[in-house]
C-alpha cells in the first residue's frame, strides 16, 4: 500500500537519532521491529537488564494482504468470520515456518525485569 516507509539504515539504539521523518510526526518506519528484534542477542545485551522477551511470533500474510487497509484503502474480498478464522490458522502455520519470506506482522511481548 506504500503509505509507510522503511529505512533499514536507521540507528534504533541511538536516542539522539530519529528513526522516522522528523518533519512528519505521523510517519512510520516499518523497519524498526526488524532493527530492534532480528538480533535477539543484541537486544538482550542492550536491554536484557530492563526487559525479558516472553513471547515472539510471526503472523499475517494472507489476512493482511486482504485487509483493505486502515489508512490507505485498497480493494479486498469481503469474507465471513468463519472463513477468516480458517485463513488465520493457515497464516500462523506458514508465517512461523517462513517468517522472513511471508510474515507481515510480528508479535512481541516484553516484561519489565
PDB file of N, CA and C in Angstrom:
ATOM      1  N   UNK A   1       0.820  -1.199   0.000  1.00  0.00           N
ATOM      2  CA  UNK A   1       0.000   0.000   0.000  1.00  0.00           C
ATOM      3  C   UNK A   1       0.862   1.259   0.000  1.00  0.00           C
ATOM      4  N   UNK A   2       2.113   1.075   0.392  1.00  0.00           N
ATOM      5  CA  UNK A   2       3.142   2.116   0.299  1.00  0.00           C
ATOM      6  C   UNK A   2       2.825   3.419   1.025  1.00  0.00           C
ATOM      7  N   UNK A   3       2.093   3.369   2.107  1.00  0.00           N
ATOM      8  CA  UNK A   3       1.846   4.604   2.828  1.00  0.00           C
ATOM      9  C   UNK A   3       2.767   4.762   4.030  1.00  0.00           C
ATOM     10  N   UNK A   4       3.527   3.726   4.350  1.00  0.00           N
ATOM     11  CA  UNK A   4       4.522   3.818   5.408  1.00  0.00           C
ATOM     12  C   UNK A   4       5.869   3.392   4.831  1.00  0.00           C
ATOM     13  N   UNK A   5       6.869   4.184   5.123  1.00  0.00           N
ATOM     14  CA  UNK A   5       8.182   3.895   4.575  1.00  0.00           C
ATOM     15  C   UNK A   5       8.991   2.965   5.457  1.00  0.00           C
ATOM     16  N   UNK A   6      10.158   2.583   4.972  1.00  0.00           N
ATOM     17  CA  UNK A   6      11.067   1.771   5.759  1.00  0.00           C
ATOM     18  C   UNK A   6      12.485   2.232   5.501  1.00  0.00           C
ATOM     19  N   UNK A   7      13.266   2.229   6.567  1.00  0.00           N
ATOM     20  CA  UNK A   7      14.660   2.651   6.481  1.00  0.00           C
ATOM     21  C   UNK A   7      15.487   1.727   7.359  1.00  0.00           C
ATOM     22  N   UNK A   8      16.160   0.767   6.737  1.00  0.00           N
ATOM     23  CA  UNK A   8      16.966  -0.188   7.479  1.00  0.00           C
ATOM     24  C   UNK A   8      18.314   0.386   7.910  1.00  0.00           C
ATOM     25  N   UNK A   9      18.601   1.650   7.553  1.00  0.00           N
ATOM     26  CA  UNK A   9      19.847   2.275   7.984  1.00  0.00           C
ATOM     27  C   UNK A   9      19.673   3.074   9.270  1.00  0.00           C
ATOM     28  N   UNK A  10      18.453   3.217   9.750  1.00  0.00           N
ATOM     29  CA  UNK A  10      18.197   3.973  10.980  1.00  0.00           C
ATOM     30  C   UNK A  10      18.876   3.284  12.163  1.00  0.00           C
ATOM     31  N   UNK A  11      19.379   4.090  13.089  1.00  0.00           N
ATOM     32  CA  UNK A  11      20.018   3.544  14.282  1.00  0.00           C
ATOM     33  C   UNK A  11      19.016   3.598  15.432  1.00  0.00           C
ATOM     34  N   UNK A  12      18.285   2.518  15.638  1.00  0.00           N
ATOM     35  CA  UNK A  12      17.241   2.491  16.666  1.00  0.00           C
ATOM     36  C   UNK A  12      17.810   2.490  18.078  1.00  0.00           C
ATOM     37  N   UNK A  13      19.095   2.266  18.214  1.00  0.00           N
ATOM     38  CA  UNK A  13      19.715   2.212  19.535  1.00  0.00           C
ATOM     39  C   UNK A  13      20.335   3.549  19.956  1.00  0.00           C
ATOM     40  N   UNK A  14      20.207   4.575  19.133  1.00  0.00           N
ATOM     41  CA  UNK A  14      20.727   5.913  19.440  1.00  0.00           C
ATOM     42  C   UNK A  14      19.553   6.835  19.758  1.00  0.00           C
ATOM     43  N   UNK A  15      19.422   7.256  21.027  1.00  0.00           N
ATOM     44  CA  UNK A  15      18.278   8.086  21.420  1.00  0.00           C
ATOM     45  C   UNK A  15      18.329   9.487  20.814  1.00  0.00           C
ATOM     46  N   UNK A  16      19.463   9.877  20.285  1.00  0.00           N
ATOM     47  CA  UNK A  16      19.590  11.204  19.688  1.00  0.00           C
ATOM     48  C   UNK A  16      19.346  11.203  18.178  1.00  0.00           C
ATOM     49  N   UNK A  17      19.100  10.033  17.614  1.00  0.00           N
ATOM     50  CA  UNK A  17      18.912   9.921  16.174  1.00  0.00           C
ATOM     51  C   UNK A  17      17.480   9.461  15.877  1.00  0.00           C
ATOM     52  N   UNK A  18      16.648  10.336  15.288  1.00  0.00           N
ATOM     53  CA  UNK A  18      15.275   9.915  14.984  1.00  0.00           C
ATOM     54  C   UNK A  18      15.243   8.803  13.935  1.00  0.00           C
ATOM     55  N   UNK A  19      14.338   7.884  14.111  1.00  0.00           N
ATOM     56  CA  UNK A  19      14.211   6.746  13.184  1.00  0.00           C
ATOM     57  C   UNK A  19      13.140   6.986  12.134  1.00  0.00           C
ATOM     58  N   UNK A  20      12.424   8.084  12.272  1.00  0.00           N
ATOM     59  CA  UNK A  20      11.375   8.435  11.322  1.00  0.00           C
ATOM     60  C   UNK A  20      11.607   9.846  10.821  1.00  0.00           C
ATOM     61  N   UNK A  21      10.726  10.317   9.968  1.00  0.00           N
ATOM     62  CA  UNK A  21      10.827  11.655   9.405  1.00  0.00           C
ATOM     63  C   UNK A  21      10.464  12.686  10.472  1.00  0.00           C
ATOM     64  N   UNK A  22      11.430  13.471  10.909  1.00  0.00           N
ATOM     65  CA  UNK A  22      11.205  14.464  11.961  1.00  0.00           C
ATOM     66  C   UNK A  22      10.212  15.540  11.536  1.00  0.00           C
ATOM     67  N   UNK A  23      10.042  15.742  10.248  1.00  0.00           N
ATOM     68  CA  UNK A  23       9.108  16.751   9.752  1.00  0.00           C
ATOM     69  C   UNK A  23       7.679  16.228   9.626  1.00  0.00           C
ATOM     70  N   UNK A  24       7.490  14.929   9.777  1.00  0.00           N
ATOM     71  CA  UNK A  24       6.163  14.328   9.665  1.00  0.00           C
ATOM     72  C   UNK A  24       5.951  13.399  10.853  1.00  0.00           C
ATOM     73  N   UNK A  25       5.288  13.923  11.904  1.00  0.00           N
ATOM     74  CA  UNK A  25       5.113  13.151  13.128  1.00  0.00           C
ATOM     75  C   UNK A  25       4.225  11.926  12.941  1.00  0.00           C
ATOM     76  N   UNK A  26       3.474  11.848  11.845  1.00  0.00           N
ATOM     77  CA  UNK A  26       2.638  10.688  11.562  1.00  0.00           C
ATOM     78  C   UNK A  26       3.361   9.650  10.714  1.00  0.00           C
ATOM     79  N   UNK A  27       4.587   9.947  10.344  1.00  0.00           N
ATOM     80  CA  UNK A  27       5.334   8.995   9.524  1.00  0.00           C
ATOM     81  C   UNK A  27       5.702   7.772  10.351  1.00  0.00           C
ATOM     82  N   UNK A  28       6.043   6.727   9.675  1.00  0.00           N
ATOM     83  CA  UNK A  28       6.451   5.500  10.358  1.00  0.00           C
ATOM     84  C   UNK A  28       7.653   4.918   9.643  1.00  0.00           C
ATOM     85  N   UNK A  29       8.399   4.139  10.370  1.00  0.00           N
ATOM     86  CA  UNK A  29       9.493   3.384   9.782  1.00  0.00           C
ATOM     87  C   UNK A  29       9.195   1.926  10.123  1.00  0.00           C
ATOM     88  N   UNK A  30       8.643   1.207   9.170  1.00  0.00           N
ATOM     89  CA  UNK A  30       8.223  -0.155   9.468  1.00  0.00           C
ATOM     90  C   UNK A  30       9.399  -1.127   9.558  1.00  0.00           C
ATOM     91  N   UNK A  31      10.611  -0.617   9.447  1.00  0.00           N
ATOM     92  CA  UNK A  31      11.797  -1.451   9.643  1.00  0.00           C
ATOM     93  C   UNK A  31      12.191  -1.530  11.122  1.00  0.00           C
ATOM     94  N   UNK A  32      11.611  -0.683  11.961  1.00  0.00           N
ATOM     95  CA  UNK A  32      12.016  -0.615  13.371  1.00  0.00           C
ATOM     96  C   UNK A  32      11.892  -1.956  14.101  1.00  0.00           C
ATOM     97  N   UNK A  33      10.799  -2.704  13.962  1.00  0.00           N
ATOM     98  CA  UNK A  33      10.754  -4.009  14.648  1.00  0.00           C
ATOM     99  C   UNK A  33      11.887  -4.942  14.217  1.00  0.00           C
ATOM    100  N   UNK A  34      12.224  -4.935  12.942  1.00  0.00           N
ATOM    101  CA  UNK A  34      13.342  -5.758  12.478  1.00  0.00           C
ATOM    102  C   UNK A  34      14.656  -5.274  13.084  1.00  0.00           C
ATOM    103  N   UNK A  35      14.855  -3.967  13.090  1.00  0.00           N
ATOM    104  CA  UNK A  35      16.096  -3.415  13.622  1.00  0.00           C
ATOM    105  C   UNK A  35      16.244  -3.715  15.109  1.00  0.00           C
ATOM    106  N   UNK A  36      15.150  -3.719  15.841  1.00  0.00           N
ATOM    107  CA  UNK A  36      15.197  -3.988  17.275  1.00  0.00           C
ATOM    108  C   UNK A  36      15.319  -5.471  17.613  1.00  0.00           C
ATOM    109  N   UNK A  37      14.571  -6.316  16.889  1.00  0.00           N
ATOM    110  CA  UNK A  37      14.403  -7.689  17.354  1.00  0.00           C
ATOM    111  C   UNK A  37      14.966  -8.785  16.456  1.00  0.00           C
ATOM    112  N   UNK A  38      15.486  -8.471  15.282  1.00  0.00           N
ATOM    113  CA  UNK A  38      16.083  -9.520  14.455  1.00  0.00           C
ATOM    114  C   UNK A  38      17.312 -10.115  15.124  1.00  0.00           C
ATOM    115  N   UNK A  39      18.089  -9.282  15.781  1.00  0.00           N
ATOM    116  CA  UNK A  39      19.274  -9.746  16.511  1.00  0.00           C
ATOM    117  C   UNK A  39      18.919  -9.787  18.000  1.00  0.00           C
ATOM    118  N   UNK A  40      18.334 -10.899  18.430  1.00  0.00           N
ATOM    119  CA  UNK A  40      17.852 -11.033  19.808  1.00  0.00           C
ATOM    120  C   UNK A  40      19.003 -10.892  20.803  1.00  0.00           C
ATOM    121  N   UNK A  41      20.176 -11.413  20.465  1.00  0.00           N
ATOM    122  CA  UNK A  41      21.322 -11.307  21.372  1.00  0.00           C
ATOM    123  C   UNK A  41      21.711  -9.851  21.610  1.00  0.00           C
ATOM    124  N   UNK A  42      21.674  -9.048  20.558  1.00  0.00           N
ATOM    125  CA  UNK A  42      21.998  -7.623  20.707  1.00  0.00           C
ATOM    126  C   UNK A  42      20.948  -6.938  21.580  1.00  0.00           C
ATOM    127  N   UNK A  43      19.673  -7.249  21.346  1.00  0.00           N
ATOM    128  CA  UNK A  43      18.608  -6.668  22.168  1.00  0.00           C
ATOM    129  C   UNK A  43      18.820  -7.051  23.633  1.00  0.00           C
ATOM    130  N   UNK A  44      19.108  -8.319  23.896  1.00  0.00           N
ATOM    131  CA  UNK A  44      19.296  -8.775  25.269  1.00  0.00           C
ATOM    132  C   UNK A  44      20.528  -8.149  25.908  1.00  0.00           C
ATOM    133  N   UNK A  45      21.583  -7.951  25.119  1.00  0.00           N
ATOM    134  CA  UNK A  45      22.793  -7.314  25.642  1.00  0.00           C
ATOM    135  C   UNK A  45      22.499  -5.873  26.059  1.00  0.00           C
ATOM    136  N   UNK A  46      21.764  -5.153  25.222  1.00  0.00           N
ATOM    137  CA  UNK A  46      21.489  -3.747  25.499  1.00  0.00           C
ATOM    138  C   UNK A  46      20.349  -3.525  26.485  1.00  0.00           C
ATOM    139  N   UNK A  47      19.315  -4.374  26.432  1.00  0.00           N
ATOM    140  CA  UNK A  47      18.113  -4.116  27.217  1.00  0.00           C
ATOM    141  C   UNK A  47      17.710  -5.257  28.146  1.00  0.00           C
ATOM    142  N   UNK A  48      18.525  -6.326  28.189  1.00  0.00           N
ATOM    143  CA  UNK A  48      18.183  -7.506  28.977  1.00  0.00           C
ATOM    144  C   UNK A  48      18.016  -7.243  30.458  1.00  0.00           C
ATOM    145  N   UNK A  49      18.696  -6.234  30.989  1.00  0.00           N
ATOM    146  CA  UNK A  49      18.527  -5.937  32.412  1.00  0.00           C
ATOM    147  C   UNK A  49      17.221  -5.176  32.679  1.00  0.00           C
ATOM    148  N   UNK A  50      16.575  -4.718  31.617  1.00  0.00           N
ATOM    149  CA  UNK A  50      15.307  -3.988  31.759  1.00  0.00           C
ATOM    150  C   UNK A  50      14.097  -4.799  31.303  1.00  0.00           C
ATOM    151  N   UNK A  51      14.285  -5.627  30.281  1.00  0.00           N
ATOM    152  CA  UNK A  51      13.162  -6.347  29.678  1.00  0.00           C
ATOM    153  C   UNK A  51      13.510  -7.793  29.368  1.00  0.00           C
ATOM    154  N   UNK A  52      12.515  -8.653  29.534  1.00  0.00           N
ATOM    155  CA  UNK A  52      12.591 -10.036  29.065  1.00  0.00           C
ATOM    156  C   UNK A  52      11.601 -10.201  27.924  1.00  0.00           C
ATOM    157  N   UNK A  53      12.013 -10.878  26.866  1.00  0.00           N
ATOM    158  CA  UNK A  53      11.092 -11.217  25.783  1.00  0.00           C
ATOM    159  C   UNK A  53      10.398 -12.513  26.201  1.00  0.00           C
ATOM    160  N   UNK A  54       9.078 -12.437  26.461  1.00  0.00           N
ATOM    161  CA  UNK A  54       8.368 -13.636  26.911  1.00  0.00           C
ATOM    162  C   UNK A  54       7.521 -14.260  25.799  1.00  0.00           C
ATOM    163  N   UNK A  55       7.359 -13.541  24.710  1.00  0.00           N
ATOM    164  CA  UNK A  55       6.601 -14.095  23.582  1.00  0.00           C
ATOM    165  C   UNK A  55       7.092 -13.443  22.300  1.00  0.00           C
ATOM    166  N   UNK A  56       7.254 -14.267  21.274  1.00  0.00           N
ATOM    167  CA  UNK A  56       7.667 -13.758  19.967  1.00  0.00           C
ATOM    168  C   UNK A  56       7.090 -14.677  18.907  1.00  0.00           C
ATOM    169  N   UNK A  57       6.246 -14.124  18.034  1.00  0.00           N
ATOM    170  CA  UNK A  57       5.692 -14.931  16.943  1.00  0.00           C
ATOM    171  C   UNK A  57       5.485 -14.053  15.716  1.00  0.00           C
ATOM    172  N   UNK A  58       5.240 -14.705  14.619  1.00  0.00           N
ATOM    173  CA  UNK A  58       5.002 -14.023  13.356  1.00  0.00           C
ATOM    174  C   UNK A  58       3.574 -14.305  12.920  1.00  0.00           C
ATOM    175  N   UNK A  59       3.025 -13.404  12.106  1.00  0.00           N
ATOM    176  CA  UNK A  59       1.634 -13.553  11.700  1.00  0.00           C
ATOM    177  C   UNK A  59       1.379 -12.754  10.428  1.00  0.00           C
ATOM    178  N   UNK A  60       0.220 -12.947   9.895  1.00  0.00           N
ATOM    179  CA  UNK A  60      -0.388 -12.189   8.811  1.00  0.00           C
ATOM    180  C   UNK A  60       0.381 -12.170   7.499  1.00  0.00           C
ATOM    181  N   UNK A  61      -0.068 -12.969   6.613  1.00  0.00           N
ATOM    182  CA  UNK A  61       0.372 -12.942   5.230  1.00  0.00           C
ATOM    183  C   UNK A  61      -0.870 -12.793   4.366  1.00  0.00           C
ATOM    184  N   UNK A  62      -1.697 -13.797   4.388  1.00  0.00           N
ATOM    185  CA  UNK A  62      -2.926 -13.781   3.582  1.00  0.00           C
ATOM    186  C   UNK A  62      -3.952 -12.794   4.145  1.00  0.00           C
ATOM    187  N   UNK A  63      -4.107 -12.758   5.464  1.00  0.00           N
ATOM    188  CA  UNK A  63      -5.108 -11.862   6.058  1.00  0.00           C
ATOM    189  C   UNK A  63      -4.734 -10.399   5.868  1.00  0.00           C
ATOM    190  N   UNK A  64      -3.455 -10.078   5.991  1.00  0.00           N
ATOM    191  CA  UNK A  64      -3.025  -8.693   5.834  1.00  0.00           C
ATOM    192  C   UNK A  64      -3.233  -8.203   4.403  1.00  0.00           C
ATOM    193  N   UNK A  65      -2.857  -9.028   3.442  1.00  0.00           N
ATOM    194  CA  UNK A  65      -2.955  -8.597   2.051  1.00  0.00           C
ATOM    195  C   UNK A  65      -4.400  -8.428   1.603  1.00  0.00           C
ATOM    196  N   UNK A  66      -5.334  -9.004   2.341  1.00  0.00           N
ATOM    197  CA  UNK A  66      -6.752  -8.837   2.006  1.00  0.00           C
ATOM    198  C   UNK A  66      -7.475  -7.956   3.030  1.00  0.00           C
ATOM    199  N   UNK A  67      -6.751  -7.201   3.811  1.00  0.00           N
ATOM    200  CA  UNK A  67      -7.382  -6.416   4.880  1.00  0.00           C
ATOM    201  C   UNK A  67      -8.151  -5.207   4.362  1.00  0.00           C
ATOM    202  N   UNK A  68      -7.748  -4.669   3.242  1.00  0.00           N
ATOM    203  CA  UNK A  68      -8.380  -3.450   2.751  1.00  0.00           C
ATOM    204  C   UNK A  68      -7.733  -2.195   3.287  1.00  0.00           C
ATOM    205  N   UNK A  69      -6.837  -2.353   4.265  1.00  0.00           N
ATOM    206  CA  UNK A  69      -6.110  -1.213   4.809  1.00  0.00           C
ATOM    207  C   UNK A  69      -6.868  -0.473   5.887  1.00  0.00           C
ATOM    208  N   UNK A  70      -6.150   0.355   6.607  1.00  0.00           N
ATOM    209  CA  UNK A  70      -6.737   1.199   7.641  1.00  0.00           C
ATOM    210  C   UNK A  70      -6.719   2.647   7.165  1.00  0.00           C
ATOM    211  N   UNK A  71      -5.553   3.108   6.787  1.00  0.00           N
ATOM    212  CA  UNK A  71      -5.408   4.486   6.304  1.00  0.00           C
ATOM    213  C   UNK A  71      -5.458   4.516   4.781  1.00  0.00           C
ATOM    214  N   UNK A  72      -4.649   3.689   4.158  1.00  0.00           N
ATOM    215  CA  UNK A  72      -4.625   3.607   2.693  1.00  0.00           C
ATOM    216  C   UNK A  72      -5.602   2.516   2.274  1.00  0.00           C
ATOM    217  N   UNK A  73      -6.762   2.904   1.850  1.00  0.00           N
ATOM    218  CA  UNK A  73      -7.803   1.942   1.483  1.00  0.00           C
ATOM    219  C   UNK A  73      -7.476   1.275   0.150  1.00  0.00           C
ATOM    220  N   UNK A  74      -7.618  -0.044   0.124  1.00  0.00           N
ATOM    221  CA  UNK A  74      -7.390  -0.808  -1.099  1.00  0.00           C
ATOM    222  C   UNK A  74      -8.537  -1.794  -1.282  1.00  0.00           C
ATOM    223  N   UNK A  75      -8.593  -2.382  -2.436  1.00  0.00           N
ATOM    224  CA  UNK A  75      -9.623  -3.370  -2.698  1.00  0.00           C
ATOM    225  C   UNK A  75      -9.371  -4.619  -1.865  1.00  0.00           C
ATOM    226  N   UNK A  76     -10.455  -5.260  -1.480  1.00  0.00           N
ATOM    227  CA  UNK A  76     -10.345  -6.502  -0.735  1.00  0.00           C
ATOM    228  C   UNK A  76     -11.568  -7.375  -1.007  1.00  0.00           C
ATOM    229  N   UNK A  77     -11.462  -8.635  -0.639  1.00  0.00           N
ATOM    230  CA  UNK A  77     -12.563  -9.578  -0.811  1.00  0.00           C
ATOM    231  C   UNK A  77     -13.248  -9.750   0.539  1.00  0.00           C
ATOM    232  N   UNK A  78     -14.484  -9.286   0.682  1.00  0.00           N
ATOM    233  CA  UNK A  78     -15.198  -9.479   1.959  1.00  0.00           C
ATOM    234  C   UNK A  78     -15.393 -10.975   2.229  1.00  0.00           C
ATOM    235  N   UNK A  79     -15.137 -11.391   3.458  1.00  0.00           N
ATOM    236  CA  UNK A  79     -15.264 -12.806   3.823  1.00  0.00           C
ATOM    237  C   UNK A  79     -15.984 -12.947   5.155  1.00  0.00           C
ATOM    238  N   UNK A  80     -16.636 -14.075   5.337  1.00  0.00           N
ATOM    239  CA  UNK A  80     -17.276 -14.379   6.610  1.00  0.00           C
ATOM    240  C   UNK A  80     -16.211 -14.656   7.660  1.00  0.00           C
ATOM    241  N   UNK A  81     -16.562 -14.450   8.923  1.00  0.00           N
ATOM    242  CA  UNK A  81     -15.620 -14.696  10.018  1.00  0.00           C
ATOM    243  C   UNK A  81     -15.139 -16.140  10.044  1.00  0.00           C
ATOM    244  N   UNK A  82     -16.015 -17.079   9.721  1.00  0.00           N
ATOM    245  CA  UNK A  82     -15.616 -18.494   9.745  1.00  0.00           C
ATOM    246  C   UNK A  82     -14.504 -18.765   8.721  1.00  0.00           C
ATOM    247  N   UNK A  83     -14.582 -18.123   7.576  1.00  0.00           N
ATOM    248  CA  UNK A  83     -13.544 -18.274   6.552  1.00  0.00           C
ATOM    249  C   UNK A  83     -12.258 -17.585   7.011  1.00  0.00           C
ATOM    250  N   UNK A  84     -12.383 -16.394   7.583  1.00  0.00           N
ATOM    251  CA  UNK A  84     -11.209 -15.656   8.065  1.00  0.00           C
ATOM    252  C   UNK A  84     -10.495 -16.413   9.179  1.00  0.00           C
ATOM    253  N   UNK A  85     -11.246 -17.096  10.034  1.00  0.00           N
ATOM    254  CA  UNK A  85     -10.625 -17.886  11.097  1.00  0.00           C
ATOM    255  C   UNK A  85      -9.786 -19.019  10.522  1.00  0.00           C
ATOM    256  N   UNK A  86     -10.279 -19.666   9.487  1.00  0.00           N
ATOM    257  CA  UNK A  86      -9.508 -20.740   8.836  1.00  0.00           C
ATOM    258  C   UNK A  86      -8.258 -20.186   8.165  1.00  0.00           C
ATOM    259  N   UNK A  87      -8.417 -19.061   7.495  1.00  0.00           N
ATOM    260  CA  UNK A  87      -7.264 -18.433   6.839  1.00  0.00           C
ATOM    261  C   UNK A  87      -6.233 -18.008   7.879  1.00  0.00           C
ATOM    262  N   UNK A  88      -6.700 -17.509   9.015  1.00  0.00           N
ATOM    263  CA  UNK A  88      -5.776 -17.094  10.073  1.00  0.00           C
ATOM    264  C   UNK A  88      -4.963 -18.283  10.585  1.00  0.00           C
ATOM    265  N   UNK A  89      -5.571 -19.444  10.710  1.00  0.00           N
ATOM    266  CA  UNK A  89      -4.836 -20.642  11.138  1.00  0.00           C
ATOM    267  C   UNK A  89      -3.749 -21.002  10.124  1.00  0.00           C
ATOM    268  N   UNK A  90      -4.092 -20.897   8.854  1.00  0.00           N
ATOM    269  CA  UNK A  90      -3.101 -21.154   7.796  1.00  0.00           C
ATOM    270  C   UNK A  90      -1.983 -20.118   7.876  1.00  0.00           C
ATOM    271  N   UNK A  91      -2.362 -18.859   8.084  1.00  0.00           N
ATOM    272  CA  UNK A  91      -1.379 -17.782   8.233  1.00  0.00           C
ATOM    273  C   UNK A  91      -0.370 -18.084   9.335  1.00  0.00           C
ATOM    274  N   UNK A  92      -0.853 -18.519  10.491  1.00  0.00           N
ATOM    275  CA  UNK A  92       0.034 -18.806  11.617  1.00  0.00           C
ATOM    276  C   UNK A  92       1.053 -19.893  11.244  1.00  0.00           C
ATOM    277  N   UNK A  93       0.598 -20.899  10.533  1.00  0.00           N
ATOM    278  CA  UNK A  93       1.489 -22.002  10.155  1.00  0.00           C
ATOM    279  C   UNK A  93       2.547 -21.527   9.166  1.00  0.00           C
ATOM    280  N   UNK A  94       2.118 -20.880   8.091  1.00  0.00           N
ATOM    281  CA  UNK A  94       3.080 -20.511   7.043  1.00  0.00           C
ATOM    282  C   UNK A  94       4.003 -19.369   7.456  1.00  0.00           C
ATOM    283  N   UNK A  95       3.505 -18.418   8.262  1.00  0.00           N
ATOM    284  CA  UNK A  95       4.367 -17.297   8.663  1.00  0.00           C
ATOM    285  C   UNK A  95       5.402 -17.722   9.697  1.00  0.00           C
ATOM    286  N   UNK A  96       5.056 -18.665  10.548  1.00  0.00           N
ATOM    287  CA  UNK A  96       6.049 -19.150  11.507  1.00  0.00           C
ATOM    288  C   UNK A  96       7.025 -20.114  10.855  1.00  0.00           C
ATOM    289  N   UNK A  97       6.619 -20.782   9.783  1.00  0.00           N
ATOM    290  CA  UNK A  97       7.532 -21.656   9.052  1.00  0.00           C
ATOM    291  C   UNK A  97       8.527 -20.846   8.203  1.00  0.00           C
ATOM    292  N   UNK A  98       8.054 -19.743   7.627  1.00  0.00           N
ATOM    293  CA  UNK A  98       8.887 -18.912   6.745  1.00  0.00           C
ATOM    294  C   UNK A  98       8.732 -17.429   7.106  1.00  0.00           C
ATOM    295  N   UNK A  99       9.160 -17.019   8.303  1.00  0.00           N
ATOM    296  CA  UNK A  99       8.906 -15.647   8.751  1.00  0.00           C
ATOM    297  C   UNK A  99       9.566 -14.573   7.896  1.00  0.00           C
ATOM    298  N   UNK A 100      10.788 -14.778   7.470  1.00  0.00           N
ATOM    299  CA  UNK A 100      11.485 -13.748   6.687  1.00  0.00           C
ATOM    300  C   UNK A 100      10.884 -13.576   5.308  1.00  0.00           C
ATOM    301  N   UNK A 101      10.211 -14.581   4.834  1.00  0.00           N
ATOM    302  CA  UNK A 101       9.632 -14.554   3.500  1.00  0.00           C
ATOM    303  C   UNK A 101       8.165 -14.114   3.503  1.00  0.00           C
ATOM    304  N   UNK A 102       7.382 -14.577   4.474  1.00  0.00           N
ATOM    305  CA  UNK A 102       5.936 -14.393   4.404  1.00  0.00           C
ATOM    306  C   UNK A 102       5.304 -13.506   5.481  1.00  0.00           C
ATOM    307  N   UNK A 103       5.911 -13.383   6.639  1.00  0.00           N
ATOM    308  CA  UNK A 103       5.275 -12.647   7.737  1.00  0.00           C
ATOM    309  C   UNK A 103       5.239 -11.147   7.476  1.00  0.00           C
ATOM    310  N   UNK A 104       4.084 -10.558   7.680  1.00  0.00           N
ATOM    311  CA  UNK A 104       3.933  -9.112   7.545  1.00  0.00           C
ATOM    312  C   UNK A 104       3.646  -8.456   8.891  1.00  0.00           C
ATOM    313  N   UNK A 105       3.607  -9.260   9.934  1.00  0.00           N
ATOM    314  CA  UNK A 105       3.400  -8.742  11.272  1.00  0.00           C
ATOM    315  C   UNK A 105       4.220  -9.574  12.241  1.00  0.00           C
ATOM    316  N   UNK A 106       4.636  -8.912  13.292  1.00  0.00           N
ATOM    317  CA  UNK A 106       5.440  -9.565  14.321  1.00  0.00           C
ATOM    318  C   UNK A 106       4.799  -9.234  15.657  1.00  0.00           C
ATOM    319  N   UNK A 107       4.681 -10.242  16.498  1.00  0.00           N
ATOM    320  CA  UNK A 107       4.086 -10.040  17.814  1.00  0.00           C
ATOM    321  C   UNK A 107       5.153 -10.324  18.864  1.00  0.00           C
ATOM    322  N   UNK A 108       5.420  -9.324  19.688  1.00  0.00           N
ATOM    323  CA  UNK A 108       6.453  -9.451  20.723  1.00  0.00           C
ATOM    324  C   UNK A 108       5.874  -8.925  22.017  1.00  0.00           C
ATOM    325  N   UNK A 109       6.076  -9.699  23.088  1.00  0.00           N
ATOM    326  CA  UNK A 109       5.640  -9.260  24.412  1.00  0.00           C
ATOM    327  C   UNK A 109       6.884  -9.142  25.289  1.00  0.00           C
ATOM    328  N   UNK A 110       7.062  -7.954  25.848  1.00  0.00           N
ATOM    329  CA  UNK A 110       8.169  -7.693  26.753  1.00  0.00           C
ATOM    330  C   UNK A 110       7.633  -7.531  28.173  1.00  0.00           C
ATOM    331  N   UNK A 111       8.411  -7.985  29.141  1.00  0.00           N
ATOM    332  CA  UNK A 111       8.070  -7.795  30.548  1.00  0.00           C
ATOM    333  C   UNK A 111       9.236  -7.069  31.206  1.00  0.00           C
ATOM    334  N   UNK A 112       8.911  -6.047  31.997  1.00  0.00           N
ATOM    335  CA  UNK A 112       9.957  -5.354  32.736  1.00  0.00           C
ATOM    336  C   UNK A 112      10.549  -6.273  33.779  1.00  0.00           C
ATOM    337  N   UNK A 113      11.874  -6.263  33.883  1.00  0.00           N
ATOM    338  CA  UNK A 113      12.524  -7.120  34.880  1.00  0.00           C
ATOM    339  C   UNK A 113      12.797  -6.345  36.140  1.00  0.00           C
TER     340      UNK A 113
END
